[in-house]
Amino acid sequence: MAASQGPTSPVLENQRPIATGAMIVALRDDADPADCIRIMERQTASEVSVSAFGRQENPAISAGKVTFFPELQIAFIPRAIAARHASKMTQLVNEEAVLEARPEFFVFAQQQFVDTQESTWGAAAVGAHKSPFTGQGIKIAVLDTGIDLKHPDYVGRAIVAQSFVKGETVDDVQGHGTHCAGTAAGKSVDPMVPRYGIAPDASLFVGKILNNRGFGTELDIVNGMNWAITQRCEVISMSVGAPVRSGERHSLLYERVGKLALQNGSLIVAAAGNESNRGLGFIAPVSSPANAPSILAVGALDGSLNVATFSAGGVNPEGGEIDIAAPGVGIFSSVPLPQKYRTMMGTSMACPHVAGVAALWAQSDPGLRGSALWSALQQNAKPLPQEGRDVGSGLVQAPGSSAA
């Protein structure tokens, strides 16, 4: 355990989540949904909008209403209502049916921009170039800042895309989403560009859950997750996160969505976070939502297969561990025009490597879905000499590669 991991660490204090002003309420699994609605109506004096699982339109546009997801037993209270009834918000936890009432936080793209001369070493490291599988017939959802559909590598490709950010199209202005989608399932049309996509023949489903500045609300994020599950995407890649403190538990919101995904044959893969500074001996906890027990947390490795200096570690229990590791430094992939390609680093770049490999395993065996797919990834990972706290079961490996 590295030093400076306590709640008073100045490094982590500078990484605290930023509240949106809205509230998230988690209700007991066995609570009657009708009672939950009545509680929200009574405490907020506002109308409650019930959102069915997988509903594609964004209920955030229902101004002045509380949004309730009965399948998750989760309610979102908008900022205006939470502010108007601030005193009652603190009393919500006293309701018998309420397990948790917390602020909603902004969630950010887990990236660190950098230009290097490295390219597709990641595809080779995970064995994708040796695998007989390409992801054909498998759906990968990339929930991020959108995608540049005018990029030559995506023009003419059947991509299902939807924005969950109010007032913004699925077009990727920020660049993070196009890069992550490219690592997971990109396919270059230029023979001079080396292979950079892990599962180039997978079907891409792109949900824009982060805005053009690279951050989003948790309501937009859960809408995108629900959409991807309803679309029956076998793999859901989320290179997003918000930092947590040492000893801080995972969010019930994301654990419930993670469980729901596994039950429906989907596997959510999430970036572990970039808040560590290992050069100073500081290892930050795995961020949210990757710290939920039912979401696969991905740590980052450099080209020497050492743990990336920024990569979070398994500091917290109950889901806060690293489950698996993947290339995350000097990763070459697509970005919006006019630049076309760029190298980046971050656990954001490691996450779609695992998502792509998961698609290869899913293609290799129709029985590998949900929890079974999770197990296949971990059981076939390449062991590494580093602590499991930092790399989980090891370096993710594609089916048919030498390590798998």
Protein backbone atom coordinates (compact mmCIF):
# COMPACT_ATOMS: atom_id res chain seq x y z
CA MET A 1 0.00 0.00 0.00
CA ALA A 2 1.56 3.29 -1.07
CA ALA A 3 1.83 6.31 1.17
CA SER A 4 -0.45 9.36 1.01
CA GLN A 5 -3.69 7.44 0.44
CA GLY A 6 -5.66 8.79 3.38
CA PRO A 7 -8.60 11.17 3.10
CA THR A 8 -6.36 14.15 3.91
CA SER A 9 -4.05 13.55 0.93
CA PRO A 10 -3.58 16.90 -0.88
CA VAL A 11 -3.20 15.03 -4.18
CA LEU A 12 -6.63 13.42 -3.90
CA GLU A 13 -8.26 16.53 -2.41
CA ASN A 14 -7.52 18.27 -5.71
CA GLN A 15 -9.31 15.46 -7.56
CA ARG A 16 -12.67 15.62 -5.81
CA PRO A 17 -15.78 15.15 -7.98
CA ILE A 18 -17.70 18.23 -9.06
CA ALA A 19 -21.37 18.23 -8.07
CA THR A 20 -24.04 19.13 -10.63
CA GLY A 21 -26.48 20.33 -7.97
CA ALA A 22 -28.86 17.45 -8.66
CA MET A 23 -29.45 14.47 -6.34
CA ILE A 24 -29.45 10.68 -6.82
CA VAL A 25 -31.62 8.55 -4.54
CA ALA A 26 -31.19 4.78 -4.29
CA LEU A 27 -34.21 2.95 -2.88
CA ARG A 28 -34.36 -0.54 -1.43
CA ASP A 29 -34.60 -3.38 -3.92
CA ASP A 30 -37.75 -4.70 -2.26
CA ALA A 31 -39.50 -1.32 -1.98
CA ASP A 32 -42.81 -0.98 -3.81
CA PRO A 33 -42.19 1.29 -6.85
CA ALA A 34 -45.51 3.01 -6.19
CA ASP A 35 -44.34 3.83 -2.66
CA CYS A 36 -41.05 5.11 -4.06
CA ILE A 37 -42.91 7.47 -6.36
CA ARG A 38 -45.06 8.72 -3.49
CA ILE A 39 -41.95 9.36 -1.38
CA MET A 40 -40.36 11.40 -4.15
CA GLU A 41 -43.56 13.34 -4.75
CA ARG A 42 -43.95 14.08 -1.04
CA GLN A 43 -40.34 15.12 -0.45
CA THR A 44 -39.97 17.21 -3.61
CA ALA A 45 -43.54 18.47 -4.15
CA SER A 46 -42.90 17.72 -7.81
CA GLU A 47 -44.18 15.42 -10.51
CA VAL A 48 -42.29 12.14 -10.98
CA SER A 49 -41.53 10.94 -14.50
CA VAL A 50 -41.21 7.13 -14.70
CA SER A 51 -38.60 6.05 -17.24
CA ALA A 52 -38.94 2.52 -18.60
CA PHE A 53 -35.77 0.47 -18.93
CA GLY A 54 -33.93 1.25 -22.16
CA ARG A 55 -36.10 4.21 -23.05
CA GLN A 56 -34.19 5.94 -25.83
CA GLU A 57 -35.33 9.50 -25.44
CA ASN A 58 -33.54 11.48 -22.76
CA PRO A 59 -35.90 12.11 -19.81
CA ALA A 60 -33.65 14.96 -18.70
CA ILE A 61 -35.61 17.16 -21.11
CA SER A 62 -38.65 16.78 -18.81
CA ALA A 63 -37.91 20.05 -17.02
CA GLY A 64 -39.10 20.30 -13.43
CA LYS A 65 -39.69 16.58 -12.97
CA VAL A 66 -38.03 13.90 -10.88
CA THR A 67 -36.94 10.92 -13.02
CA PHE A 68 -37.50 7.45 -11.55
CA PHE A 69 -36.07 4.22 -12.98
CA PRO A 70 -38.14 1.42 -11.36
CA GLU A 71 -35.89 -1.36 -12.74
CA LEU A 72 -32.96 0.22 -10.92
CA GLN A 73 -34.92 1.61 -7.95
CA ILE A 74 -33.05 4.87 -8.59
CA ALA A 75 -34.45 8.42 -8.73
CA PHE A 76 -32.79 11.56 -10.10
CA ILE A 77 -33.86 14.88 -8.56
CA PRO A 78 -33.01 17.83 -10.86
CA ARG A 79 -30.89 20.70 -9.56
CA ALA A 80 -33.73 23.21 -9.43
CA ILE A 81 -35.92 20.90 -7.33
CA ALA A 82 -33.04 19.86 -5.06
CA ALA A 83 -32.18 23.50 -4.40
CA ARG A 84 -35.80 24.45 -3.75
CA HIS A 85 -36.17 21.68 -1.18
CA ALA A 86 -32.62 21.60 0.20
CA SER A 87 -33.70 21.00 3.80
CA LYS A 88 -35.81 18.01 2.80
CA MET A 89 -32.98 16.52 0.75
CA THR A 90 -30.99 15.93 3.93
CA GLN A 91 -33.97 14.09 5.43
CA LEU A 92 -34.41 11.63 2.57
CA VAL A 93 -32.14 9.06 4.21
CA ASN A 94 -34.61 8.87 7.10
CA GLU A 95 -37.22 7.33 4.82
CA GLU A 96 -37.41 3.57 5.40
CA ALA A 97 -37.34 2.82 1.68
CA VAL A 98 -34.23 4.95 1.02
CA LEU A 99 -30.77 3.36 1.12
CA GLU A 100 -28.72 6.27 -0.17
CA ALA A 101 -29.20 9.91 -1.11
CA ARG A 102 -26.16 11.63 -2.59
CA PRO A 103 -25.23 14.49 -4.91
CA GLU A 104 -25.00 13.81 -8.63
CA PHE A 105 -21.48 14.41 -9.95
CA PHE A 106 -20.06 15.30 -13.32
CA VAL A 107 -18.19 12.38 -14.89
CA PHE A 108 -15.18 13.02 -17.12
CA ALA A 109 -13.32 11.38 -19.98
CA GLN A 110 -10.38 9.41 -18.51
CA GLN A 111 -7.66 10.70 -20.81
CA GLN A 112 -4.29 12.38 -20.88
CA PHE A 113 -3.38 13.87 -24.26
CA VAL A 114 0.16 13.26 -25.49
CA ASP A 115 1.91 13.03 -28.87
CA THR A 116 4.46 10.22 -29.33
CA GLN A 117 5.90 8.15 -32.15
CA GLU A 118 4.37 4.92 -30.86
CA SER A 119 1.53 3.31 -32.82
CA THR A 120 -0.28 0.00 -32.61
CA TRP A 121 1.86 -1.85 -30.10
CA GLY A 122 -1.36 -2.35 -28.10
CA ALA A 123 -3.00 -4.54 -30.75
CA ALA A 124 0.08 -6.76 -30.79
CA ALA A 125 0.38 -6.87 -26.99
CA VAL A 126 -3.15 -8.24 -26.58
CA GLY A 127 -2.70 -10.71 -29.45
CA ALA A 128 -5.42 -9.26 -31.68
CA HIS A 129 -3.18 -9.46 -34.75
CA LYS A 130 -2.82 -13.25 -34.26
CA SER A 131 -6.43 -13.99 -33.42
CA PRO A 132 -8.63 -15.64 -36.07
CA PHE A 133 -11.55 -13.59 -34.77
CA THR A 134 -12.44 -10.02 -35.73
CA GLY A 135 -15.61 -9.33 -33.72
CA GLN A 136 -17.95 -10.21 -36.61
CA GLY A 137 -21.56 -10.39 -35.39
CA ILE A 138 -20.81 -8.82 -31.99
CA LYS A 139 -22.11 -5.45 -30.84
CA ILE A 140 -19.78 -3.10 -28.99
CA ALA A 141 -21.28 0.02 -27.42
CA VAL A 142 -18.86 2.89 -26.86
CA LEU A 143 -20.36 5.40 -24.43
CA ASP A 144 -18.31 8.58 -24.65
CA THR A 145 -18.14 11.96 -26.45
CA GLY A 146 -19.64 10.59 -29.68
CA ILE A 147 -17.91 9.82 -32.97
CA ASP A 148 -16.84 11.58 -36.15
CA LEU A 149 -19.05 9.83 -38.72
CA LYS A 150 -17.31 11.79 -41.51
CA HIS A 151 -13.96 10.18 -40.72
CA PRO A 152 -12.95 8.04 -43.73
CA ASP A 153 -12.60 4.96 -41.52
CA TYR A 154 -16.29 5.21 -40.55
CA VAL A 155 -17.96 6.55 -43.71
CA GLY A 156 -20.32 3.91 -45.11
CA ARG A 157 -20.06 1.74 -42.04
CA ALA A 158 -23.32 0.71 -40.35
CA ILE A 159 -22.98 2.52 -37.03
CA VAL A 160 -25.90 2.98 -34.65
CA ALA A 161 -25.42 6.29 -32.87
CA GLN A 162 -27.47 8.33 -30.42
CA SER A 163 -26.83 11.38 -28.29
CA PHE A 164 -28.01 11.53 -24.69
CA VAL A 165 -26.65 15.04 -24.21
CA LYS A 166 -29.37 17.66 -24.49
CA GLY A 167 -28.87 20.01 -27.42
CA GLU A 168 -25.87 18.17 -28.89
CA THR A 169 -25.66 15.76 -31.80
CA VAL A 170 -23.62 12.56 -31.73
CA ASP A 171 -20.80 14.34 -33.58
CA ASP A 172 -17.54 14.14 -31.64
CA VAL A 173 -16.07 17.59 -31.13
CA GLN A 174 -13.80 16.69 -28.23
CA GLY A 175 -12.05 13.70 -29.87
CA HIS A 176 -12.02 11.23 -26.98
CA GLY A 177 -14.96 9.13 -28.21
CA THR A 178 -13.63 8.68 -31.74
CA HIS A 179 -10.28 7.56 -30.33
CA CYS A 180 -11.88 5.01 -27.98
CA ALA A 181 -14.24 3.71 -30.67
CA GLY A 182 -11.26 3.30 -32.98
CA THR A 183 -9.30 1.23 -30.48
CA ALA A 184 -12.28 -1.02 -29.79
CA ALA A 185 -13.46 -1.52 -33.38
CA GLY A 186 -11.78 0.84 -35.84
CA LYS A 187 -10.82 -0.32 -39.33
CA SER A 188 -8.57 1.81 -41.51
CA VAL A 189 -9.43 2.20 -45.19
CA ASP A 190 -5.91 3.45 -45.92
CA PRO A 191 -3.44 0.58 -46.42
CA MET A 192 -0.65 2.88 -45.20
CA VAL A 193 -2.27 3.10 -41.76
CA PRO A 194 -1.47 0.09 -39.56
CA ARG A 195 -4.21 -1.85 -37.83
CA TYR A 196 -5.30 -0.08 -34.69
CA GLY A 197 -8.76 -1.56 -33.99
CA ILE A 198 -8.94 -4.68 -31.84
CA ALA A 199 -12.27 -5.96 -33.22
CA PRO A 200 -12.52 -4.22 -36.62
CA ASP A 201 -15.56 -6.16 -37.82
CA ALA A 202 -17.69 -5.68 -34.71
CA SER A 203 -20.89 -3.64 -34.97
CA LEU A 204 -20.40 -0.22 -33.39
CA PHE A 205 -23.08 1.34 -31.20
CA VAL A 206 -22.08 4.83 -30.14
CA GLY A 207 -23.86 6.62 -27.31
CA LYS A 208 -22.88 10.22 -26.63
CA ILE A 209 -23.02 10.60 -22.84
CA LEU A 210 -20.28 13.25 -22.45
CA ASN A 211 -20.69 16.71 -23.91
CA ASN A 212 -18.46 18.57 -26.34
CA ARG A 213 -16.20 19.62 -23.46
CA GLY A 214 -15.65 16.04 -22.31
CA PHE A 215 -17.91 15.69 -19.27
CA GLY A 216 -21.49 14.68 -18.55
CA THR A 217 -24.11 14.21 -15.89
CA GLU A 218 -24.83 10.87 -14.30
CA LEU A 219 -28.39 10.96 -15.62
CA ASP A 220 -27.10 11.16 -19.20
CA ILE A 221 -24.66 8.37 -18.42
CA VAL A 222 -27.25 5.97 -16.98
CA ASN A 223 -29.54 6.68 -19.95
CA GLY A 224 -26.73 5.68 -22.29
CA MET A 225 -26.00 2.53 -20.29
CA ASN A 226 -29.65 1.52 -20.34
CA TRP A 227 -29.79 2.14 -24.09
CA ALA A 228 -26.74 -0.03 -24.75
CA ILE A 229 -28.14 -2.88 -22.66
CA THR A 230 -31.50 -2.67 -24.44
CA GLN A 231 -29.71 -2.73 -27.80
CA ARG A 232 -28.34 -6.10 -26.61
CA CYS A 233 -24.73 -5.02 -26.99
CA GLU A 234 -22.55 -7.86 -25.75
CA VAL A 235 -19.84 -5.40 -24.70
CA ILE A 236 -20.20 -1.86 -23.34
CA SER A 237 -17.05 0.28 -23.19
CA MET A 238 -16.97 3.26 -20.80
CA SER A 239 -13.78 5.32 -20.66
CA VAL A 240 -15.34 7.73 -18.18
CA GLY A 241 -15.13 8.26 -14.46
CA ALA A 242 -15.18 10.43 -11.36
CA PRO A 243 -12.52 10.11 -8.63
CA VAL A 244 -13.28 8.64 -5.20
CA ARG A 245 -11.47 8.76 -1.86
CA SER A 246 -9.72 6.00 -0.02
CA GLY A 247 -12.37 4.09 1.92
CA GLU A 248 -15.25 5.47 -0.17
CA ARG A 249 -17.73 2.81 -1.26
CA HIS A 250 -19.04 2.27 -4.76
CA SER A 251 -22.26 3.86 -6.01
CA LEU A 252 -25.40 1.73 -5.76
CA LEU A 253 -26.51 3.31 -9.03
CA TYR A 254 -23.71 1.79 -11.10
CA GLU A 255 -23.73 -1.52 -9.26
CA ARG A 256 -27.40 -1.98 -10.09
CA VAL A 257 -26.83 -1.11 -13.75
CA GLY A 258 -23.82 -3.45 -13.85
CA LYS A 259 -25.87 -6.33 -12.45
CA LEU A 260 -28.70 -5.60 -14.87
CA ALA A 261 -26.22 -5.70 -17.75
CA LEU A 262 -24.80 -9.08 -16.72
CA GLN A 263 -28.31 -10.49 -16.33
CA ASN A 264 -29.08 -9.36 -19.89
CA GLY A 265 -25.92 -10.83 -21.40
CA SER A 266 -23.94 -7.57 -21.54
CA LEU A 267 -20.55 -6.85 -20.00
CA ILE A 268 -19.67 -3.29 -18.95
CA VAL A 269 -15.96 -2.48 -19.15
CA ALA A 270 -14.77 0.77 -17.53
CA ALA A 271 -11.55 2.75 -17.19
CA ALA A 272 -10.04 2.56 -13.70
CA GLY A 273 -8.96 6.21 -13.57
CA ASN A 274 -5.87 8.38 -14.00
CA GLU A 275 -5.53 10.03 -10.59
CA SER A 276 -2.40 8.20 -9.39
CA ASN A 277 1.09 9.70 -9.30
CA ARG A 278 3.21 6.62 -8.80
CA GLY A 279 6.42 8.62 -9.13
CA LEU A 280 5.50 10.29 -5.86
CA GLY A 281 4.33 7.01 -4.32
CA PHE A 282 0.64 7.93 -4.57
CA ILE A 283 -1.87 5.34 -5.79
CA ALA A 284 -5.41 6.64 -6.19
CA PRO A 285 -8.44 4.38 -5.74
CA VAL A 286 -10.29 3.01 -8.76
CA SER A 287 -12.78 5.67 -9.85
CA SER A 288 -16.54 5.45 -10.29
CA PRO A 289 -18.23 3.67 -12.10
CA ALA A 290 -15.34 1.20 -12.53
CA ASN A 291 -15.31 0.55 -8.77
CA ALA A 292 -18.74 -1.10 -8.87
CA PRO A 293 -18.34 -4.88 -8.28
CA SER A 294 -20.37 -5.78 -11.39
CA ILE A 295 -18.35 -3.56 -13.74
CA LEU A 296 -14.97 -4.74 -15.08
CA ALA A 297 -12.24 -2.24 -14.05
CA VAL A 298 -9.30 -1.80 -16.44
CA GLY A 299 -5.84 -0.55 -15.45
CA ALA A 300 -3.26 0.81 -17.91
CA LEU A 301 0.18 -0.49 -18.94
CA ASP A 302 3.01 1.16 -20.88
CA GLY A 303 4.99 -0.33 -23.75
CA SER A 304 7.28 -2.20 -21.36
CA LEU A 305 4.21 -3.73 -19.68
CA ASN A 306 4.84 -1.72 -16.54
CA VAL A 307 1.93 -0.11 -14.73
CA ALA A 308 1.32 3.37 -16.14
CA THR A 309 2.29 6.06 -13.63
CA PHE A 310 -1.22 7.54 -13.66
CA SER A 311 -3.18 4.28 -13.43
CA ALA A 312 -5.41 3.81 -10.37
CA GLY A 313 -4.99 0.82 -8.08
CA GLY A 314 -6.99 -1.54 -5.90
CA VAL A 315 -7.04 0.64 -2.80
CA ASN A 316 -10.68 0.18 -1.85
CA PRO A 317 -12.54 -3.11 -1.22
CA GLU A 318 -15.95 -4.26 -2.50
CA GLY A 319 -15.38 -3.74 -6.21
CA GLY A 320 -12.57 -1.20 -5.91
CA GLU A 321 -9.96 -3.56 -7.31
CA ILE A 322 -8.35 -3.62 -10.76
CA ASP A 323 -9.81 -6.60 -12.62
CA ILE A 324 -7.55 -6.68 -15.68
CA ALA A 325 -4.91 -4.57 -17.45
CA ALA A 326 -4.36 -3.40 -21.04
CA PRO A 327 -2.15 -1.05 -23.10
CA GLY A 328 -2.79 2.58 -22.20
CA VAL A 329 0.32 4.62 -23.13
CA GLY A 330 1.19 5.82 -26.64
CA ILE A 331 -2.01 4.42 -28.18
CA PHE A 332 -2.57 5.24 -31.86
CA SER A 333 -6.20 5.55 -33.00
CA SER A 334 -8.65 7.66 -34.95
CA VAL A 335 -9.63 11.22 -34.02
CA PRO A 336 -11.99 13.70 -35.71
CA LEU A 337 -11.03 15.42 -38.96
CA PRO A 338 -8.91 17.10 -40.07
CA GLN A 339 -6.26 15.37 -37.93
CA LYS A 340 -7.56 11.81 -38.51
CA TYR A 341 -5.17 10.00 -36.13
CA ARG A 342 -3.41 10.67 -32.86
CA THR A 343 -1.62 8.89 -30.04
CA MET A 344 -3.01 9.31 -26.52
CA MET A 345 -2.56 7.78 -23.09
CA GLY A 346 -4.85 7.03 -20.17
CA THR A 347 -6.92 4.23 -18.71
CA SER A 348 -9.42 5.48 -21.30
CA MET A 349 -7.14 3.98 -23.93
CA ALA A 350 -6.77 0.71 -22.00
CA CYS A 351 -10.52 0.23 -21.59
CA PRO A 352 -11.42 -0.18 -25.31
CA HIS A 353 -8.56 -2.66 -25.74
CA VAL A 354 -10.38 -4.90 -23.26
CA ALA A 355 -13.75 -4.17 -24.88
CA GLY A 356 -12.38 -5.17 -28.28
CA VAL A 357 -10.80 -8.36 -26.93
CA ALA A 358 -14.10 -9.16 -25.18
CA ALA A 359 -15.83 -8.94 -28.57
CA LEU A 360 -13.32 -11.43 -30.00
CA TRP A 361 -14.03 -13.88 -27.19
CA ALA A 362 -17.78 -13.35 -27.59
CA GLN A 363 -17.49 -14.21 -31.30
CA SER A 364 -15.43 -17.30 -30.50
CA ASP A 365 -18.15 -18.85 -28.32
CA PRO A 366 -21.86 -17.90 -28.22
CA GLY A 367 -21.94 -19.08 -24.61
CA LEU A 368 -19.55 -16.33 -23.53
CA ARG A 369 -21.96 -13.61 -22.51
CA GLY A 370 -22.24 -11.50 -19.36
CA SER A 371 -20.49 -13.13 -16.38
CA ALA A 372 -19.13 -15.97 -18.55
CA LEU A 373 -17.42 -13.44 -20.81
CA TRP A 374 -15.94 -11.69 -17.75
CA SER A 375 -14.52 -15.02 -16.55
CA ALA A 376 -13.03 -15.85 -19.96
CA LEU A 377 -11.17 -12.54 -20.05
CA GLN A 378 -9.66 -13.05 -16.61
CA GLN A 379 -8.89 -16.75 -16.97
CA ASN A 380 -7.03 -16.20 -20.24
CA ALA A 381 -5.12 -13.05 -19.24
CA LYS A 382 -1.33 -13.11 -19.44
CA PRO A 383 0.13 -13.14 -15.89
CA LEU A 384 2.29 -10.15 -15.00
CA PRO A 385 4.89 -9.76 -12.25
CA GLN A 386 3.22 -6.70 -10.74
CA GLU A 387 0.83 -6.84 -7.81
CA GLY A 388 -2.75 -7.86 -8.53
CA ARG A 389 -3.75 -4.59 -6.89
CA ASP A 390 -2.38 -2.82 -9.98
CA VAL A 391 -2.96 -5.28 -12.87
CA GLY A 392 -5.72 -7.63 -11.69
CA SER A 393 -5.53 -11.00 -13.44
CA GLY A 394 -2.95 -9.64 -15.91
CA LEU A 395 -2.71 -8.44 -19.51
CA VAL A 396 -5.87 -9.12 -21.49
CA GLN A 397 -5.34 -11.61 -24.35
CA ALA A 398 -7.32 -12.35 -27.50
CA PRO A 399 -8.53 -15.87 -28.31
CA GLY A 400 -6.10 -17.71 -30.52
CA SER A 401 -3.08 -15.65 -29.40
CA SER A 402 -0.13 -17.49 -27.90
CA ALA A 403 -0.99 -16.57 -24.27
CA ALA A 404 -4.68 -17.40 -24.60
